[in-house]
N, C-alpha and C. Protein backbone atom coordinates (compact mmCIF):
# COMPACT_ATOMS: atom_id res chain seq x y z
N MET A 1 93.32 89.63 103.67
CA MET A 1 93.62 90.78 102.80
C MET A 1 93.61 89.94 101.44
N LYS A 2 92.09 90.25 100.94
CA LYS A 2 92.16 89.35 99.56
C LYS A 2 92.81 90.81 97.93
N ASP A 3 92.60 91.97 98.54
CA ASP A 3 92.26 92.92 97.34
C ASP A 3 94.54 92.58 97.35
N LEU A 4 94.40 92.37 95.50
CA LEU A 4 95.38 92.76 95.03
C LEU A 4 97.32 93.61 94.80
N GLU A 5 95.82 94.17 95.47
CA GLU A 5 97.55 96.12 96.10
C GLU A 5 97.14 95.83 97.42
N GLY A 6 96.40 95.23 98.19
CA GLY A 6 96.99 94.87 99.91
C GLY A 6 95.53 96.16 100.33
N LEU A 7 95.78 96.33 100.93
CA LEU A 7 94.80 97.44 102.41
C LEU A 7 95.95 99.26 101.46
N HIS A 8 95.26 99.44 100.72
CA HIS A 8 95.61 101.12 99.87
C HIS A 8 95.18 102.28 99.99
N ALA A 9 95.09 103.65 99.69
CA ALA A 9 94.58 104.50 100.76
C ALA A 9 92.58 104.81 99.97
N ARG A 10 92.24 103.36 99.58
CA ARG A 10 91.04 103.43 98.55
C ARG A 10 90.31 102.84 99.65
N ASN A 11 90.81 101.68 99.34
CA ASN A 11 90.09 100.60 100.58
C ASN A 11 89.76 101.42 102.19
N SER A 12 91.19 102.12 102.16
CA SER A 12 90.81 102.73 104.06
C SER A 12 90.46 103.83 103.31
N ALA A 13 89.71 104.37 102.93
CA ALA A 13 89.33 105.81 103.21
C ALA A 13 88.03 104.78 103.28
N LYS A 14 87.26 103.76 102.53
CA LYS A 14 86.23 103.04 102.91
C LYS A 14 85.53 102.81 104.34
N VAL A 15 87.28 102.07 104.29
CA VAL A 15 87.20 102.24 106.42
C VAL A 15 86.65 102.81 107.29
N VAL A 16 86.93 104.14 106.64
CA VAL A 16 86.69 105.41 107.59
C VAL A 16 86.04 105.96 107.37
N MET A 17 85.41 106.00 106.47
CA MET A 17 83.58 106.30 106.65
C MET A 17 82.80 105.26 107.45
N ALA A 18 83.63 103.89 106.84
CA ALA A 18 82.16 102.57 107.89
C ALA A 18 81.92 103.18 109.51
N ALA A 19 83.68 103.16 110.11
CA ALA A 19 84.83 103.05 111.12
C ALA A 19 83.56 105.11 111.77
N GLN A 20 83.43 106.23 110.86
CA GLN A 20 82.59 107.21 110.99
C GLN A 20 81.16 106.81 110.71
N ASP A 21 80.69 106.12 110.62
CA ASP A 21 78.84 105.67 110.63
C ASP A 21 78.43 106.02 112.11
N ASN A 22 77.12 106.51 112.41
CA ASN A 22 77.07 106.24 113.58
C ASN A 22 77.10 105.71 114.14
N GLY A 23 76.40 104.20 113.50
CA GLY A 23 76.24 103.94 114.56
C GLY A 23 77.16 102.21 115.50
N VAL A 24 78.69 102.60 115.47
CA VAL A 24 79.59 102.39 115.51
C VAL A 24 80.01 103.53 116.20
N GLN A 25 80.88 103.24 117.78
CA GLN A 25 82.13 103.93 118.73
C GLN A 25 83.55 103.85 118.75
N LYS A 26 83.92 102.14 117.75
CA LYS A 26 85.03 102.70 117.43
C LYS A 26 85.19 101.14 116.67
N ILE A 27 86.03 101.11 116.13
CA ILE A 27 86.58 100.87 114.90
C ILE A 27 88.48 100.68 115.65
N THR A 28 88.55 99.03 115.57
CA THR A 28 90.39 98.32 115.50
C THR A 28 90.74 97.91 114.33
N VAL A 29 92.02 97.84 113.80
CA VAL A 29 92.02 97.64 112.91
C VAL A 29 93.52 96.92 113.19
N GLY A 30 94.06 95.49 113.15
CA GLY A 30 95.33 94.33 113.18
C GLY A 30 95.69 94.39 112.32
N CYS A 31 97.94 94.59 112.00
CA CYS A 31 97.41 93.17 111.51
C CYS A 31 99.69 93.26 111.29
N GLY A 32 99.36 92.01 111.16
CA GLY A 32 101.01 92.28 111.33
C GLY A 32 101.37 92.50 113.45
N GLY A 33 100.54 92.55 113.65
CA GLY A 33 101.39 92.74 115.18
C GLY A 33 101.51 94.37 115.45
N ARG A 34 99.87 94.43 114.71
CA ARG A 34 100.75 96.39 114.63
C ARG A 34 99.02 96.51 114.33
N GLU A 35 98.57 97.61 115.33
CA GLU A 35 96.47 98.38 115.68
C GLU A 35 96.86 99.83 115.34
N ALA A 36 95.72 99.80 114.05
CA ALA A 36 95.86 101.01 113.62
C ALA A 36 93.61 100.86 113.65
N ASP A 37 93.90 102.96 113.45
CA ASP A 37 92.56 103.07 114.44
C ASP A 37 92.29 102.84 113.48
N GLY A 38 90.04 103.09 113.58
CA GLY A 38 89.67 102.89 111.60
C GLY A 38 89.46 103.59 111.48
N GLU A 39 88.97 105.14 112.57
CA GLU A 39 88.83 106.19 111.86
C GLU A 39 90.35 106.81 111.54
N ASN A 40 91.08 106.82 110.81
CA ASN A 40 92.48 107.43 110.67
C ASN A 40 93.79 106.98 109.68
N ILE A 41 92.77 107.07 108.14
CA ILE A 41 93.18 106.47 107.19
C ILE A 41 95.42 106.48 107.00
N LEU A 42 95.64 107.10 108.19
CA LEU A 42 97.08 107.05 107.50
C LEU A 42 97.99 106.33 109.07
N GLU A 43 97.58 105.59 109.92
CA GLU A 43 97.07 105.31 110.16
C GLU A 43 97.66 103.49 109.72
N LEU A 44 95.98 102.99 109.27
CA LEU A 44 95.16 102.45 108.42
C LEU A 44 96.55 102.03 107.47
N MET A 45 96.22 102.96 106.67
CA MET A 45 97.77 103.19 105.42
C MET A 45 98.76 102.42 106.22
N SER A 46 99.31 102.95 107.86
CA SER A 46 101.07 102.02 107.88
C SER A 46 101.14 100.94 107.98
N LEU A 47 100.13 100.00 109.34
CA LEU A 47 99.54 99.20 109.14
C LEU A 47 100.00 97.85 108.17
N ASN A 48 100.61 98.36 106.53
CA ASN A 48 100.88 98.16 105.22
C ASN A 48 100.68 96.70 105.13
N ALA A 49 99.95 96.41 105.07
CA ALA A 49 98.52 95.49 105.05
C ALA A 49 98.90 94.97 103.34
N ARG A 50 98.54 94.09 103.08
CA ARG A 50 99.88 93.45 101.08
C ARG A 50 98.82 91.78 101.64
N TYR A 51 98.56 91.84 99.67
CA TYR A 51 97.59 90.95 99.85
C TYR A 51 97.58 89.80 100.37
N GLY A 52 97.42 89.10 100.91
CA GLY A 52 97.38 87.44 102.34
C GLY A 52 97.40 87.56 103.07
N ALA A 53 97.51 88.67 103.35
CA ALA A 53 97.69 89.20 105.36
C ALA A 53 96.28 89.61 106.10
N GLU A 54 96.69 88.54 106.38
CA GLU A 54 95.54 88.17 108.13
C GLU A 54 95.69 89.77 108.46
N ILE A 55 94.60 90.32 108.40
CA ILE A 55 93.96 91.09 109.66
C ILE A 55 92.96 91.35 110.47
N THR A 56 92.90 91.59 111.26
CA THR A 56 91.43 91.43 112.17
C THR A 56 91.07 92.83 112.97
N VAL A 57 89.80 92.53 112.44
CA VAL A 57 88.95 94.58 112.47
C VAL A 57 87.56 93.71 114.08
N THR A 58 87.47 94.96 114.22
CA THR A 58 87.23 94.89 116.40
C THR A 58 86.59 96.45 116.22
N ALA A 59 85.00 96.01 116.08
CA ALA A 59 84.37 97.11 116.63
C ALA A 59 82.95 96.94 117.86
N TRP A 60 82.74 98.26 118.22
CA TRP A 60 82.38 98.37 119.19
C TRP A 60 80.74 99.61 118.76
N GLY A 61 80.08 99.17 118.77
CA GLY A 61 78.60 99.49 118.83
C GLY A 61 77.38 99.13 118.24
N GLU A 62 76.45 100.12 118.75
CA GLU A 62 74.91 99.71 118.39
C GLU A 62 74.51 98.67 116.18
N ARG A 63 75.24 99.01 115.96
CA ARG A 63 74.72 98.13 113.78
C ARG A 63 76.48 97.63 113.99
N GLU A 64 77.23 96.96 115.20
CA GLU A 64 79.32 96.96 115.23
C GLU A 64 78.94 95.78 113.61
N GLN A 65 77.45 94.67 113.78
CA GLN A 65 77.90 93.17 113.12
C GLN A 65 77.82 94.18 110.85
N GLU A 66 77.04 95.11 111.13
CA GLU A 66 76.67 95.37 110.35
C GLU A 66 77.86 96.65 109.00
N ILE A 67 78.33 97.56 110.35
CA ILE A 67 80.14 98.22 110.10
C ILE A 67 80.48 96.55 109.81
N LEU A 68 80.96 95.81 110.03
CA LEU A 68 81.99 94.76 110.58
C LEU A 68 81.67 94.39 108.72
N GLU A 69 80.74 94.15 108.86
CA GLU A 69 80.39 93.06 107.23
C GLU A 69 80.76 94.50 105.64
N LYS A 70 80.66 95.93 106.47
CA LYS A 70 81.41 96.84 105.23
C LYS A 70 82.72 97.05 105.59
N VAL A 71 83.26 96.71 106.70
CA VAL A 71 84.55 96.42 106.24
C VAL A 71 85.37 95.41 105.52
N GLU A 72 84.87 94.29 105.66
CA GLU A 72 85.45 92.90 105.11
C GLU A 72 85.45 93.06 103.25
N LYS A 73 84.06 94.05 103.47
CA LYS A 73 84.21 94.20 101.78
C LYS A 73 85.16 95.23 101.52
N ALA A 74 85.47 96.22 102.43
CA ALA A 74 86.19 97.91 102.38
C ALA A 74 87.58 97.32 101.88
N VAL A 75 87.96 95.94 102.78
CA VAL A 75 89.69 96.02 102.70
C VAL A 75 89.97 94.92 101.36
N ASN A 76 88.85 93.94 101.04
CA ASN A 76 89.12 92.99 100.76
C ASN A 76 88.78 93.79 98.91
N GLY A 77 88.41 94.48 98.36
CA GLY A 77 88.25 95.35 97.04
C GLY A 77 86.79 95.11 96.19
N SER A 78 85.74 94.89 98.16
CA SER A 78 84.51 94.97 97.18
C SER A 78 84.17 96.17 97.39
N MET A 79 83.25 97.10 96.20
CA MET A 79 82.08 98.18 96.43
C MET A 79 81.29 98.03 98.17
N ILE A 80 81.02 98.94 98.58
CA ILE A 80 79.94 99.41 99.49
C ILE A 80 78.58 99.49 99.26
């Protein structure tokens, strides 16, 4: 997690938008032994991922690599 504010509402919303893309069936995000549905902003924010935390993102679907890149940018504070 490179965003100084951690996984907050703005970048969580970007993850949700990527998860709802038609090219992906499912996205999960994990941190600290917990896992969240990538389409659920409340679950994502409840991970309490802080700056420097290691997160794991898994995607299934036709364009999973593209979606994973979007999610990486979102959680690290870059614009999608």
